[in-house]
Amino acid sequence: MKPQLPPYVLMQQGNVTLLAVLVVTLLASTLLRATSHSLRYGAQQVNDEKQYLQAFYQAQSALAWGLPYPWPAAQGWHCPVSPSPTFSLCLWRETDTEGWLRGRSQKSEWLLWQRVTFSKDVPHAARRHPQGWIDECPLSPEQCYRQLPRNESR
């Protein structure tokens, strides 16, 4: 015949099982919370990257749209009305043969600059200058911002 265990020993064995279940539940809860935080952080990074790429390509589209545009020969800022609400474009014409195109994304104020040249044969159409990409305003602050038409802002 088996010896009978006292009731307090049986109670201790039940408490250990209950404690083990609680520890596993706490560990699982902590792991789920950490995974949820990681997923939210990753989703935010993906969203930020998406917005960055959209703004970049909108500004790049503005530059592409501006190359064949019939630009006036006068020096200074020229900002035609954009065919798209997602971007705007301006030209800073320094000389008869050189200038800077500025493509801008409307959503994030993203700016891209491209040095352009004008030929004597087609003085109103811009051509990309080799190695002409730049992501900061290449002009003085007065030229970059103070001479913009009223419908343009920094």
Protein backbone atom coordinates (compact mmCIF):
# COMPACT_ATOMS: atom_id res chain seq x y z
CA MET A 1 0.00 0.00 0.00
CA LYS A 2 1.18 3.47 -0.87
CA PRO A 3 1.85 5.84 1.92
CA GLN A 4 -0.44 8.84 1.99
CA LEU A 5 1.18 12.26 1.66
CA PRO A 6 0.13 14.91 4.10
CA PRO A 7 -2.24 17.58 2.64
CA TYR A 8 0.30 20.42 2.90
CA VAL A 9 2.70 18.52 0.57
CA LEU A 10 -0.04 18.13 -2.03
CA MET A 11 -0.81 21.83 -1.69
CA GLN A 12 2.85 22.75 -2.27
CA GLN A 13 2.96 20.66 -5.45
CA GLY A 14 -0.13 22.49 -6.75
CA ASN A 15 1.39 25.88 -5.92
CA VAL A 16 4.55 25.08 -7.88
CA THR A 17 2.48 24.16 -10.92
CA LEU A 18 0.42 27.33 -10.59
CA LEU A 19 3.59 29.42 -10.18
CA ALA A 20 5.12 27.83 -13.29
CA VAL A 21 1.99 28.65 -15.30
CA LEU A 22 2.11 32.27 -14.08
CA VAL A 23 5.80 32.64 -14.99
CA VAL A 24 5.19 31.27 -18.49
CA THR A 25 2.21 33.61 -18.92
CA LEU A 26 4.26 36.63 -17.82
CA LEU A 27 7.11 35.72 -20.16
CA ALA A 28 4.70 35.28 -23.08
CA SER A 29 3.03 38.62 -22.29
CA THR A 30 6.39 40.40 -22.18
CA LEU A 31 7.44 38.82 -25.46
CA LEU A 32 4.16 39.85 -27.13
CA ARG A 33 4.53 43.42 -25.86
CA ALA A 34 8.10 43.65 -27.18
CA THR A 35 7.06 42.22 -30.54
CA SER A 36 4.17 44.69 -30.78
CA HIS A 37 6.50 47.62 -30.05
CA SER A 38 8.98 46.37 -32.63
CA LEU A 39 6.25 46.03 -35.28
CA ARG A 40 4.94 49.55 -34.60
CA TYR A 41 8.46 50.98 -34.85
CA GLY A 42 9.08 49.08 -38.10
CA ALA A 43 5.78 50.26 -39.58
CA GLN A 44 6.68 53.86 -38.74
CA GLN A 45 10.07 53.46 -40.44
CA VAL A 46 8.41 52.03 -43.56
CA ASN A 47 5.93 54.92 -43.62
CA ASP A 48 8.72 57.50 -43.22
CA GLU A 49 10.70 55.88 -46.05
CA LYS A 50 7.60 55.86 -48.26
CA GLN A 51 6.98 59.57 -47.66
CA TYR A 52 10.65 60.36 -48.32
CA LEU A 53 10.61 58.48 -51.62
CA GLN A 54 7.34 60.11 -52.71
CA ALA A 55 8.73 63.58 -51.97
CA PHE A 56 12.01 62.83 -53.73
CA TYR A 57 10.29 61.54 -56.87
CA GLN A 58 7.84 64.44 -56.90
CA ALA A 59 10.75 66.90 -56.83
CA GLN A 60 12.52 64.85 -59.51
CA SER A 61 9.35 64.91 -61.64
CA ALA A 62 9.32 68.69 -61.38
CA LEU A 63 12.89 68.82 -62.73
CA ALA A 64 12.01 66.50 -65.61
CA TRP A 65 8.94 68.59 -66.43
CA GLY A 66 11.03 71.78 -66.45
CA LEU A 67 13.65 70.73 -68.98
CA PRO A 68 11.52 71.15 -72.13
CA TYR A 69 9.54 74.07 -70.69
CA PRO A 70 9.85 77.29 -72.79
CA TRP A 71 11.79 79.42 -70.29
CA PRO A 72 12.05 83.18 -70.73
CA ALA A 73 15.50 84.56 -71.55
CA ALA A 74 15.43 87.13 -68.74
CA GLN A 75 17.73 86.58 -65.78
CA GLY A 76 16.33 85.95 -62.28
CA TRP A 77 13.64 83.69 -60.87
CA HIS A 78 10.92 82.19 -63.07
CA CYS A 79 8.27 79.94 -61.50
CA PRO A 80 5.61 78.70 -63.93
CA VAL A 81 2.32 77.21 -62.78
CA SER A 82 2.85 73.49 -62.25
CA PRO A 83 0.66 70.99 -64.12
CA SER A 84 0.52 68.88 -60.96
CA PRO A 85 -0.47 69.84 -57.42
CA THR A 86 2.25 67.54 -56.05
CA PHE A 87 5.24 69.60 -57.18
CA SER A 88 6.42 73.04 -58.19
CA LEU A 89 9.36 74.21 -60.24
CA CYS A 90 11.44 77.36 -60.48
CA LEU A 91 14.38 78.41 -62.59
CA TRP A 92 17.10 80.79 -61.46
CA ARG A 93 18.59 82.02 -64.72
CA GLU A 94 22.07 83.37 -64.04
CA THR A 95 23.15 84.11 -67.60
CA ASP A 96 21.91 83.59 -71.14
CA THR A 97 23.44 80.10 -71.15
CA GLU A 98 23.32 78.88 -67.51
CA GLY A 99 20.86 78.53 -64.67
CA TRP A 100 19.52 76.37 -61.83
CA LEU A 101 16.28 74.41 -61.82
CA ARG A 102 14.69 73.85 -58.42
CA GLY A 103 12.15 71.03 -58.09
CA ARG A 104 10.02 71.06 -54.97
CA SER A 105 7.67 68.52 -53.45
CA GLN A 106 4.58 70.18 -52.04
CA LYS A 107 4.06 67.67 -49.21
CA SER A 108 7.39 67.83 -47.46
CA GLU A 109 9.14 70.89 -48.86
CA TRP A 110 11.72 68.56 -50.41
CA LEU A 111 14.01 70.50 -52.78
CA LEU A 112 16.25 69.22 -55.55
CA TRP A 113 18.56 71.43 -57.56
CA GLN A 114 19.88 70.79 -61.08
CA ARG A 115 22.31 72.96 -62.98
CA VAL A 116 21.08 73.55 -66.52
CA THR A 117 22.44 75.10 -69.68
CA PHE A 118 20.73 76.84 -72.57
CA SER A 119 22.04 76.64 -76.10
CA LYS A 120 22.09 79.47 -78.61
CA ASP A 121 20.08 77.28 -81.01
CA VAL A 122 17.21 76.63 -78.58
CA PRO A 123 17.52 79.39 -75.95
CA HIS A 124 14.28 78.58 -74.15
CA ALA A 125 14.74 74.83 -73.49
CA ALA A 126 17.01 73.77 -70.65
CA ARG A 127 19.49 70.89 -70.80
CA ARG A 128 20.97 69.10 -67.82
CA HIS A 129 24.50 70.06 -67.01
CA PRO A 130 26.81 67.04 -66.42
CA GLN A 131 27.43 66.62 -62.69
CA GLY A 132 24.84 69.30 -62.00
CA TRP A 133 22.85 67.59 -59.21
CA ILE A 134 22.94 69.18 -55.77
CA ASP A 135 20.62 68.94 -52.76
CA GLU A 136 21.37 72.33 -51.20
CA CYS A 137 20.73 75.75 -52.61
CA PRO A 138 23.86 76.64 -54.60
CA LEU A 139 23.04 80.35 -54.51
CA SER A 140 23.36 82.93 -51.78
CA PRO A 141 20.49 83.06 -49.25
CA GLU A 142 19.27 86.31 -50.79
CA GLN A 143 19.07 84.69 -54.22
CA CYS A 144 17.55 81.47 -52.88
CA TYR A 145 14.67 82.96 -50.94
CA ARG A 146 14.23 86.71 -51.21
CA GLN A 147 13.80 86.89 -54.97
CA LEU A 148 11.10 84.25 -55.23
CA PRO A 149 7.73 85.34 -56.59
CA ARG A 150 5.02 85.89 -54.00
CA ASN A 151 3.33 82.54 -54.69
CA GLU A 152 6.53 80.72 -53.73
CA SER A 153 7.75 80.29 -50.17
CA ARG A 154 10.87 78.86 -48.65
